[in-house]
Each structure stands twice: as structure tokens, then as C-alpha cells.
Amino acid sequence: MSLIVQKYGGTSVGTTELILEVTKIIQEFYLKGNQLVVVFSAMMGETNRLLNLAKKISFIHHKSELDILASTGEQVTIALISMALKDLGLKVKSYCGWQIPIITTNDFTNSRIKTINTSKIIEDLNNNYIVIITGFQGVTQDGEITTLGRGGSDTSAVALAVALKANECQIYTDVDGVYNADPHKIASAKKIDVVDGACMLEAASLGTKILQVRSCELAYRYKTNIRILSTFSKQNLGTLVMNESNLENYPIISISTEEYQVLVTIKTQEKMNELLSDIYKDINIDMLSINQHGIIFVTNKQFVNELTSILDKYKIKDITITEELIKISLIGSGFRSNQKLNQQIWQLINGVDILATSHNEISISFIVNYHNAKNLTNIFSSTFCNS
């Protein structure tokens, strides 16, 4: 008997017809003798619909109220799923995050999980129930409902798998695994059967949308294996993200692209520590470089207005903000230690205007203009995706 945590995303439960298909997958696993804890996202588009309602009511970001509103989407899903499973004659218990409880920080709209009380879940599993839990949400010590940020259901599922010491955490989505490039953009992209957890974490942090970064961090830290599967391709074994401590190295090279990047150059070092502290408080930045002339970093276009407000606060005028950029990253191994690999990469990008770069042992990233991005992606894919 295996203890499996499954998670189904919004595309997997986007309609009542899809919900009924998902119940068949759950039933199949349960009848094979597995213990099942199943985590659900809201139905596709539901969270956006709820947040758009809030925008029509108020221009102020009432974050605690937004969490109460947004968390209802997952509650709808687990109620519908539980009804369908009970109609199949299965024993089911469903819970919202606050009923478990999943205790989080009070960082509304982007909280982090502190602890999970597994006693109810374990008791139900021992009594042969399928346990259904809302993803994306938790509760503070003071009883206030919180949400975990976009993609938070992935984090909910992995955190539950860690807390329950599950044999595997299965993430069901609309893709049948991890590819070495975006198969929608690169025809030669190939599915990878097994991915090293460190490489998956790096890929997620560099823009791959398959798993939320925080879920990869949890799985990697606590040595929990994740399997990425398609709800719509039931015979496919997907991709196994291996995080076991005795893991061999699986050398892969995959390509990740992240759009809407902005290169920021600040030509001053005045109050640098205070400035960077303020920036990091609210803004995600990358590729930070500091020299005698000033500060350079990369961020996402969505943060430009907040960044401008911070720079105005410090009365900084000598600023250059370059938009319409893309980050292209290679993820694998040896980017710091393998001289031949680095030599090959820089030969390949000869003639491409690189605005910024960064690398570590398992990834190397380049910031380029939109008009160079397609060319560079094609160069990398023709070299690495056919091997």
C-alpha cells in the first residue's frame, strides 16, 4: 500500500465534465489499494473571476478580504468532487485548509505554510477514506484565512506530502511531463522521464510554469519525489522529479524563457544598502550586479511602478530602465565547472547582443531583446534539444 498525494490544477477541473473524469482517476488509484490525499485548485478562471469582482467593488487592496474571497474557489471544487466520488460509492472526507488546520504566516495573498496538523488526515486514511483538501489556502494562528499566492495549490500538495511522508506527490496538469524546451514553441522538444530535483527547482525559478517555485523548494529540501502527469493522457507515466538523498545525477539541458523582463541601471551608490533593502521588500529582482558606477539588476515589468515609487523616495534621477526584454536560460549541470560547455555556449551566441548574464553550476541565463530571443532560442534548441 502506498500513500499518494495528488493535486489537480484548474485546467483539470475546468468543467463539470472534467471533474467527473478526474473522479475516475481517483477511483482507479483508490481501488488499487492506495491511500489517497487529493488537493484541488479552483476551476479554471474562477480565481480571476473572483478577483475581478473585487476590483469592481474597491480600488484599495484589502488583502485579508481578498484572501477570504479568493479561497472560496477551491471550496467549490472540493464540494463538487466529493459529491461525484460519493456517487461512485467511495468513502470521502473533504476539508478546507482551515479545518485541518494548515497554519500559515499572516502575509495575506502570499502566505507561507508554518505547520500542518495531520491527525485528522491520518485517522481518516486509517479508516479507508479518500481525503479531499483545498489547495492554495490556510489559516493564521489567529484564525484568519490566508492564501499562498499564484500556483499555491502545488505548494499545498507538496507540503502535505512532506508532512505525511507520502511515497509520491502527483501533480496533474494539462501537460504530460517536463520537456527540455516548450513543446508549444519548439517542435523538437522532448519529454524527460526523470529530472533531478535541483534542476527542476532552477527551471521553475527561471520561468518554467509547470511547478510553482516554492513547491520545488519544499520537495528538494525534504527529499520528496514529485511526478508530473497529464489529466488528459492517462497511460502516460509523466516525468518523475527525483529528490531522494541517494539520487544519481541526471545530466539534462533544458531551455526556459521568461518574458516581460526589465533591465534597471542605477548610476549611484548612495544609500545603497537601504535602497536595496526597500527594493527587496516588495520586488523580485535577479542578476544583481554592483560596481563602482552603481547598481544593475533585472526584474519583471509588473514591478516597474513600485520600483519607480521607491526610486522617487530616494530622489534618484540617474536611472535607465530598458523594457521589452526576455530571459533565456539553460538548465542542466556543469555551467560553472565545465569549460568546454561554456566555450560551446559562447560560440553559439556569437553575434547576439547580450544585455546581462548570470550563471551557477546548474544554469546560465541571458537577457536579450525580443528581436534576438527567437534566434537565440532556435540556436540553443537545435544544439541541445535533439541530443
Protein backbone atom coordinates (compact mmCIF):
# COMPACT_ATOMS: atom_id res chain seq x y z
CA MET A 1 0.00 0.00 0.00
CA SER A 2 1.30 3.44 -0.96
CA LEU A 3 0.35 6.82 0.43
CA ILE A 4 -0.07 9.18 -2.51
CA VAL A 5 -0.84 12.90 -2.51
CA GLN A 6 -2.43 14.04 -5.76
CA LYS A 7 -3.04 17.59 -6.91
CA TYR A 8 -5.32 18.65 -9.76
CA GLY A 9 -4.97 22.11 -11.28
CA GLY A 10 -7.65 24.42 -12.62
CA THR A 11 -7.47 23.10 -16.19
CA SER A 12 -8.10 19.56 -14.88
CA VAL A 13 -11.35 20.61 -13.18
CA GLY A 14 -12.42 23.40 -15.52
CA THR A 15 -15.87 21.93 -16.23
CA THR A 16 -18.25 19.52 -14.54
CA GLU A 17 -17.46 17.01 -17.30
CA LEU A 18 -13.74 17.20 -16.45
CA ILE A 19 -14.50 16.86 -12.75
CA LEU A 20 -16.29 13.58 -13.48
CA GLU A 21 -13.23 12.38 -15.46
CA VAL A 22 -10.94 13.25 -12.54
CA THR A 23 -13.08 11.20 -10.17
CA LYS A 24 -12.42 8.15 -12.38
CA ILE A 25 -8.65 8.62 -11.97
CA ILE A 26 -9.03 8.94 -8.20
CA GLN A 27 -11.28 5.87 -8.07
CA GLU A 28 -8.76 3.83 -10.06
CA PHE A 29 -5.90 4.66 -7.67
CA TYR A 30 -8.07 4.03 -4.62
CA LEU A 31 -9.29 0.63 -5.81
CA LYS A 32 -5.67 -0.44 -6.29
CA GLY A 33 -5.28 -0.16 -2.51
CA ASN A 34 -3.55 3.21 -2.28
CA GLN A 35 -4.18 5.70 0.49
CA LEU A 36 -5.12 8.98 -1.17
CA VAL A 37 -4.98 12.63 -0.15
CA VAL A 38 -6.17 14.80 -3.04
CA VAL A 39 -5.62 18.57 -3.31
CA PHE A 40 -7.62 20.76 -5.69
CA SER A 41 -7.31 24.17 -7.26
CA ALA A 42 -10.29 26.31 -8.16
CA MET A 43 -11.97 25.63 -11.50
CA MET A 44 -10.14 27.26 -14.40
CA GLY A 45 -10.70 31.03 -14.48
CA GLU A 46 -12.56 31.11 -11.17
CA THR A 47 -9.86 32.86 -9.11
CA ASN A 48 -9.53 35.58 -11.76
CA ARG A 49 -13.31 35.98 -11.82
CA LEU A 50 -13.41 36.46 -8.06
CA LEU A 51 -10.55 38.95 -8.04
CA ASN A 52 -12.15 40.92 -10.87
CA LEU A 53 -15.29 41.19 -8.75
CA ALA A 54 -13.19 42.74 -6.01
CA LYS A 55 -11.76 45.28 -8.46
CA LYS A 56 -15.27 46.38 -9.39
CA ILE A 57 -16.08 46.97 -5.72
CA SER A 58 -12.90 48.62 -4.41
CA PHE A 59 -9.69 50.16 -5.74
CA ILE A 60 -7.97 49.54 -2.40
CA HIS A 61 -6.09 46.26 -1.93
CA HIS A 62 -7.80 44.84 1.16
CA LYS A 63 -5.54 41.81 1.24
CA SER A 64 -7.19 39.92 4.10
CA GLU A 65 -10.59 40.29 2.41
CA LEU A 66 -9.13 39.25 -0.93
CA ASP A 67 -7.97 36.01 0.70
CA ILE A 68 -11.42 35.29 2.07
CA LEU A 69 -12.85 35.89 -1.40
CA ALA A 70 -10.24 34.00 -3.44
CA SER A 71 -10.25 30.95 -1.16
CA THR A 72 -13.89 30.18 -2.00
CA GLY A 73 -12.94 28.92 -5.46
CA GLU A 74 -11.21 25.83 -4.08
CA GLN A 75 -14.09 25.18 -1.70
CA VAL A 76 -16.48 24.89 -4.66
CA THR A 77 -14.19 22.37 -6.34
CA ILE A 78 -13.80 20.04 -3.35
CA ALA A 79 -17.57 20.03 -2.74
CA LEU A 80 -18.29 19.02 -6.35
CA ILE A 81 -15.51 16.40 -6.37
CA SER A 82 -16.69 14.91 -3.08
CA MET A 83 -20.27 14.65 -4.38
CA ALA A 84 -19.07 12.84 -7.51
CA LEU A 85 -16.88 10.41 -5.55
CA LYS A 86 -19.67 9.63 -3.10
CA ASP A 87 -21.96 8.89 -6.04
CA LEU A 88 -19.42 6.21 -7.02
CA GLY A 89 -19.85 4.63 -3.62
CA LEU A 90 -16.47 5.76 -2.25
CA LYS A 91 -15.74 6.89 1.31
CA VAL A 92 -14.74 10.56 1.22
CA LYS A 93 -13.91 13.30 3.72
CA SER A 94 -13.39 16.86 2.47
CA TYR A 95 -11.69 19.73 4.30
CA CYS A 96 -10.85 23.38 3.77
CA GLY A 97 -7.34 24.38 4.75
CA TRP A 98 -8.51 25.98 7.99
CA GLN A 99 -10.24 22.76 9.08
CA ILE A 100 -7.08 20.64 9.04
CA PRO A 101 -5.61 23.15 10.04
CA ILE A 102 -2.82 24.26 7.70
CA ILE A 103 -1.22 27.04 9.75
CA THR A 104 0.38 29.87 7.76
CA THR A 105 2.05 33.21 8.26
CA ASN A 106 -0.19 36.31 8.12
CA ASP A 107 1.28 37.55 4.82
CA PHE A 108 -2.10 37.85 3.14
CA THR A 109 -2.28 36.89 -0.58
CA ASN A 110 1.21 35.35 -0.34
CA SER A 111 1.43 33.50 2.96
CA ARG A 112 3.80 30.65 3.79
CA ILE A 113 2.99 27.39 5.50
CA LYS A 114 4.30 27.03 9.05
CA THR A 115 2.79 23.72 10.24
CA ILE A 116 0.21 21.13 9.21
CA ASN A 117 -1.75 19.15 11.76
CA THR A 118 -2.01 15.71 10.15
CA SER A 119 -4.01 13.95 12.90
CA LYS A 120 -7.41 14.19 11.16
CA ILE A 121 -5.93 13.12 7.84
CA ILE A 122 -4.14 10.09 9.27
CA GLU A 123 -7.24 8.97 11.17
CA ASP A 124 -9.35 9.24 8.02
CA LEU A 125 -6.79 7.36 5.92
CA ASN A 126 -6.66 4.58 8.50
CA ASN A 127 -10.45 4.35 8.21
CA ASN A 128 -10.14 3.94 4.41
CA TYR A 129 -11.40 7.40 3.47
CA ILE A 130 -10.19 9.38 0.47
CA VAL A 131 -9.22 12.76 1.93
CA ILE A 132 -10.01 15.81 -0.21
CA ILE A 133 -8.38 19.14 0.72
CA THR A 134 -8.49 22.64 -0.73
CA GLY A 135 -5.21 23.84 -2.14
CA PHE A 136 -3.89 27.41 -2.12
CA GLN A 137 -5.17 28.25 1.38
CA GLY A 138 -4.54 28.04 5.09
CA VAL A 139 -5.23 29.91 8.30
CA THR A 140 -3.19 32.03 10.71
CA GLN A 141 -2.78 31.25 14.39
CA ASP A 142 -5.45 33.91 14.97
CA GLY A 143 -7.95 32.14 12.71
CA GLU A 144 -7.73 34.41 9.64
CA ILE A 145 -7.97 32.72 6.24
CA THR A 146 -4.92 33.17 4.01
CA THR A 147 -3.86 32.19 0.51
CA LEU A 148 -0.44 31.05 -0.69
CA GLY A 149 -0.05 33.09 -3.87
CA ARG A 150 -0.46 32.07 -7.50
CA GLY A 151 0.19 28.38 -8.02
CA GLY A 152 -0.17 27.85 -4.29
CA SER A 153 -2.02 24.56 -4.68
CA ASP A 154 1.27 22.98 -5.79
CA THR A 155 2.82 24.12 -2.54
CA SER A 156 -0.18 22.83 -0.56
CA ALA A 157 0.17 19.39 -2.13
CA VAL A 158 3.93 19.09 -1.65
CA ALA A 159 3.69 20.38 1.94
CA LEU A 160 1.05 17.73 2.70
CA ALA A 161 3.21 15.06 1.07
CA VAL A 162 6.14 16.14 3.24
CA ALA A 163 4.08 16.24 6.43
CA LEU A 164 2.51 12.82 5.74
CA LYS A 165 5.76 11.26 4.47
CA ALA A 166 3.94 10.25 1.30
CA ASN A 167 5.53 7.88 -1.18
CA GLU A 168 4.91 10.32 -4.00
CA CYS A 169 3.26 13.65 -4.79
CA GLN A 170 1.50 13.56 -8.15
CA ILE A 171 0.79 16.88 -9.87
CA TYR A 172 -1.89 16.60 -12.56
CA THR A 173 -1.99 19.35 -15.14
CA ASP A 174 -2.58 19.88 -18.87
CA VAL A 175 0.92 18.76 -19.92
CA ASP A 176 2.21 15.19 -19.82
CA GLY A 177 5.54 15.95 -18.16
CA VAL A 178 8.64 18.12 -18.29
CA TYR A 179 10.17 18.85 -21.69
CA ASN A 180 13.66 20.11 -22.46
CA ALA A 181 12.01 23.14 -24.10
CA ASP A 182 8.48 24.49 -24.54
CA PRO A 183 6.83 21.93 -26.88
CA HIS A 184 4.31 24.57 -27.99
CA LYS A 185 7.15 26.69 -29.37
CA ILE A 186 9.87 24.16 -30.27
CA ALA A 187 8.80 21.16 -32.32
CA SER A 188 11.93 19.15 -31.49
CA ALA A 189 11.38 19.40 -27.72
CA LYS A 190 11.45 16.03 -25.96
CA LYS A 191 9.81 14.85 -22.78
CA ILE A 192 12.16 13.95 -19.97
CA ASP A 193 11.34 10.83 -17.96
CA VAL A 194 13.39 11.72 -14.87
CA VAL A 195 14.55 15.16 -13.72
CA ASP A 196 16.94 15.94 -10.90
CA GLY A 197 15.16 17.96 -8.21
CA ALA A 198 17.80 20.69 -8.18
CA CYS A 199 17.42 21.19 -11.92
CA MET A 200 13.62 21.32 -11.61
CA LEU A 201 13.92 23.94 -8.88
CA GLU A 202 16.20 26.01 -11.07
CA ALA A 203 13.90 25.63 -14.08
CA ALA A 204 10.89 26.76 -12.04
CA SER A 205 12.77 29.79 -10.74
CA LEU A 206 13.73 30.72 -14.31
CA GLY A 207 10.24 30.82 -15.71
CA THR A 208 9.13 27.24 -16.37
CA LYS A 209 5.43 27.30 -15.50
CA ILE A 210 4.88 23.59 -14.73
CA LEU A 211 5.50 23.80 -10.97
CA GLN A 212 5.44 26.69 -8.53
CA VAL A 213 8.95 27.51 -7.28
CA ARG A 214 8.04 27.14 -3.61
CA SER A 215 6.71 23.62 -4.19
CA CYS A 216 10.02 22.67 -5.81
CA GLU A 217 11.92 24.16 -2.87
CA LEU A 218 9.90 22.10 -0.38
CA ALA A 219 10.28 18.88 -2.34
CA TYR A 220 14.02 19.39 -2.76
CA ARG A 221 14.60 20.31 0.89
CA TYR A 222 12.62 17.39 2.32
CA LYS A 223 13.54 14.79 -0.33
CA THR A 224 10.00 14.27 -1.60
CA ASN A 225 9.51 12.89 -5.10
CA ILE A 226 7.06 14.62 -7.44
CA ARG A 227 5.51 13.09 -10.54
CA ILE A 228 4.10 15.47 -13.16
CA LEU A 229 1.23 13.91 -15.10
CA SER A 230 -1.45 14.90 -17.57
CA THR A 231 -5.09 14.55 -16.57
CA PHE A 232 -5.85 14.04 -20.25
CA SER A 233 -3.26 11.33 -21.06
CA LYS A 234 -3.94 8.58 -18.55
CA GLN A 235 -1.49 6.00 -19.91
CA ASN A 236 1.50 8.34 -19.74
CA LEU A 237 3.89 7.96 -16.78
CA GLY A 238 4.80 11.65 -16.95
CA THR A 239 8.04 12.98 -15.51
CA LEU A 240 9.45 11.98 -12.14
CA VAL A 241 11.21 14.78 -10.26
CA MET A 242 13.69 12.86 -8.13
CA ASN A 243 14.67 14.34 -4.77
CA GLU A 244 15.91 11.27 -2.92
CA SER A 245 19.15 11.67 -0.98
CA ASN A 246 20.81 8.80 -2.87
CA LEU A 247 19.91 10.29 -6.23
CA GLU A 248 22.33 9.87 -9.08
CA ASN A 249 22.97 12.86 -11.24
CA TYR A 250 20.71 13.08 -14.28
CA PRO A 251 22.53 15.47 -16.62
CA ILE A 252 19.92 17.25 -18.74
CA ILE A 253 19.88 20.52 -20.55
CA SER A 254 16.55 22.28 -20.89
CA ILE A 255 15.64 25.70 -22.19
CA SER A 256 13.45 28.14 -20.29
CA THR A 257 12.22 31.55 -21.39
CA GLU A 258 10.77 34.29 -19.22
CA GLU A 259 9.12 37.26 -20.91
CA TYR A 260 8.43 40.83 -19.74
CA GLN A 261 11.88 41.32 -18.25
CA VAL A 262 13.24 44.78 -17.43
CA LEU A 263 16.90 45.78 -17.05
CA VAL A 264 17.43 48.50 -14.46
CA THR A 265 20.64 50.55 -14.23
CA ILE A 266 21.03 52.94 -11.27
CA LYS A 267 24.13 55.12 -11.51
CA THR A 268 24.68 55.81 -7.83
CA GLN A 269 25.82 54.01 -4.72
CA GLU A 270 24.32 56.48 -2.26
CA LYS A 271 22.33 54.75 0.50
CA MET A 272 22.77 51.53 -1.50
CA ASN A 273 22.06 49.19 1.42
CA GLU A 274 18.86 51.00 2.40
CA LEU A 275 17.74 51.21 -1.23
CA LEU A 276 18.25 47.51 -1.93
CA SER A 277 16.58 46.58 1.34
CA ASP A 278 13.49 48.58 0.30
CA ILE A 279 13.52 47.10 -3.20
CA TYR A 280 13.78 43.51 -1.94
CA LYS A 281 10.91 44.13 0.46
CA ASP A 282 8.31 44.30 -2.33
CA ILE A 283 10.04 43.44 -5.60
CA ASN A 284 11.59 40.28 -7.01
CA ILE A 285 14.93 41.10 -8.62
CA ASP A 286 17.57 38.96 -10.31
CA MET A 287 21.05 39.24 -11.81
CA LEU A 288 22.08 41.87 -9.28
CA SER A 289 25.45 43.44 -10.06
CA ILE A 290 27.18 46.17 -8.05
CA ASN A 291 30.30 48.07 -9.11
CA GLN A 292 31.87 51.47 -8.55
CA HIS A 293 29.48 53.03 -11.05
CA GLY A 294 26.24 51.84 -9.48
CA ILE A 295 23.71 49.01 -9.40
CA ILE A 296 22.32 46.84 -12.18
CA PHE A 297 19.56 44.25 -11.87
CA VAL A 298 16.71 42.57 -13.72
CA THR A 299 13.06 42.46 -12.67
CA ASN A 300 9.64 41.77 -14.17
CA LYS A 301 7.68 44.51 -15.92
CA GLN A 302 4.87 44.16 -13.35
CA PHE A 303 7.13 45.73 -10.70
CA VAL A 304 8.09 48.87 -12.64
CA ASN A 305 5.55 51.18 -10.98
CA GLU A 306 6.51 50.03 -7.47
CA LEU A 307 10.19 50.37 -8.35
CA THR A 308 9.68 53.91 -9.65
CA SER A 309 7.96 54.88 -6.41
CA ILE A 310 10.88 53.57 -4.37
CA LEU A 311 13.44 55.38 -6.52
CA ASP A 312 11.45 58.62 -6.24
CA LYS A 313 11.51 58.21 -2.45
CA TYR A 314 15.33 58.22 -2.58
CA LYS A 315 15.32 61.08 -5.13
CA ILE A 316 17.40 59.01 -7.55
CA LYS A 317 17.35 60.53 -11.04
CA ASP A 318 20.15 58.82 -12.98
CA ILE A 319 18.21 55.68 -13.90
CA THR A 320 17.88 53.68 -17.10
CA ILE A 321 15.01 51.20 -17.42
CA THR A 322 15.15 49.00 -20.53
CA GLU A 323 11.95 47.08 -21.30
CA GLU A 324 10.87 44.59 -23.98
CA LEU A 325 13.44 42.01 -22.85
CA ILE A 326 13.39 38.23 -22.46
CA LYS A 327 15.43 35.99 -20.19
CA ILE A 328 16.62 32.78 -21.85
CA SER A 329 18.09 30.14 -19.57
CA LEU A 330 19.78 26.79 -20.00
CA ILE A 331 19.31 24.40 -17.07
CA GLY A 332 21.45 21.33 -16.51
CA SER A 333 24.81 20.87 -14.89
CA GLY A 334 28.40 22.00 -15.28
CA PHE A 335 27.79 25.63 -16.14
CA ARG A 336 30.39 26.77 -13.67
CA SER A 337 32.90 23.92 -13.84
CA ASN A 338 32.65 22.63 -17.43
CA GLN A 339 34.89 24.86 -19.52
CA LYS A 340 34.08 23.12 -22.80
CA LEU A 341 30.36 23.54 -22.28
CA ASN A 342 30.78 27.25 -21.57
CA GLN A 343 33.04 27.63 -24.59
CA GLN A 344 30.42 25.95 -26.78
CA ILE A 345 27.62 28.17 -25.46
CA TRP A 346 29.51 31.41 -26.07
CA GLN A 347 30.47 30.27 -29.57
CA LEU A 348 26.80 29.60 -30.29
CA ILE A 349 25.68 33.08 -29.23
CA ASN A 350 28.34 34.89 -31.23
CA GLY A 351 26.72 37.96 -32.78
CA VAL A 352 23.74 38.05 -30.39
CA ASP A 353 23.55 41.21 -28.27
CA ILE A 354 23.60 40.05 -24.62
CA LEU A 355 22.47 42.75 -22.16
CA ALA A 356 23.07 40.80 -18.93
CA THR A 357 24.05 37.29 -17.89
CA SER A 358 24.37 35.19 -14.76
CA HIS A 359 25.27 31.59 -14.07
CA ASN A 360 25.79 28.99 -11.40
CA GLU A 361 26.57 25.27 -11.53
CA ILE A 362 23.14 24.25 -12.84
CA SER A 363 22.01 27.15 -15.00
CA ILE A 364 23.13 30.02 -17.20
CA SER A 365 20.82 32.89 -18.14
CA PHE A 366 20.92 35.64 -20.75
CA ILE A 367 18.91 38.84 -21.08
CA VAL A 368 18.24 39.75 -24.72
CA ASN A 369 15.94 41.99 -26.73
CA TYR A 370 12.75 40.49 -28.12
CA HIS A 371 14.09 40.56 -31.67
CA ASN A 372 17.10 38.44 -30.63
CA ALA A 373 15.18 35.99 -28.46
CA LYS A 374 13.75 33.78 -31.20
CA ASN A 375 17.12 33.50 -32.88
CA LEU A 376 18.91 32.53 -29.66
CA THR A 377 16.18 30.05 -28.67
CA ASN A 378 16.44 28.38 -32.07
CA ILE A 379 20.21 28.17 -31.77
CA PHE A 380 20.00 26.52 -28.35
CA SER A 381 17.16 24.18 -29.29
CA SER A 382 18.85 22.93 -32.47
CA THR A 383 22.01 22.21 -30.48
CA PHE A 384 20.65 20.76 -27.22
CA CYS A 385 17.08 19.57 -27.82
CA ASN A 386 17.98 16.96 -30.39
CA SER A 387 20.55 15.19 -28.24
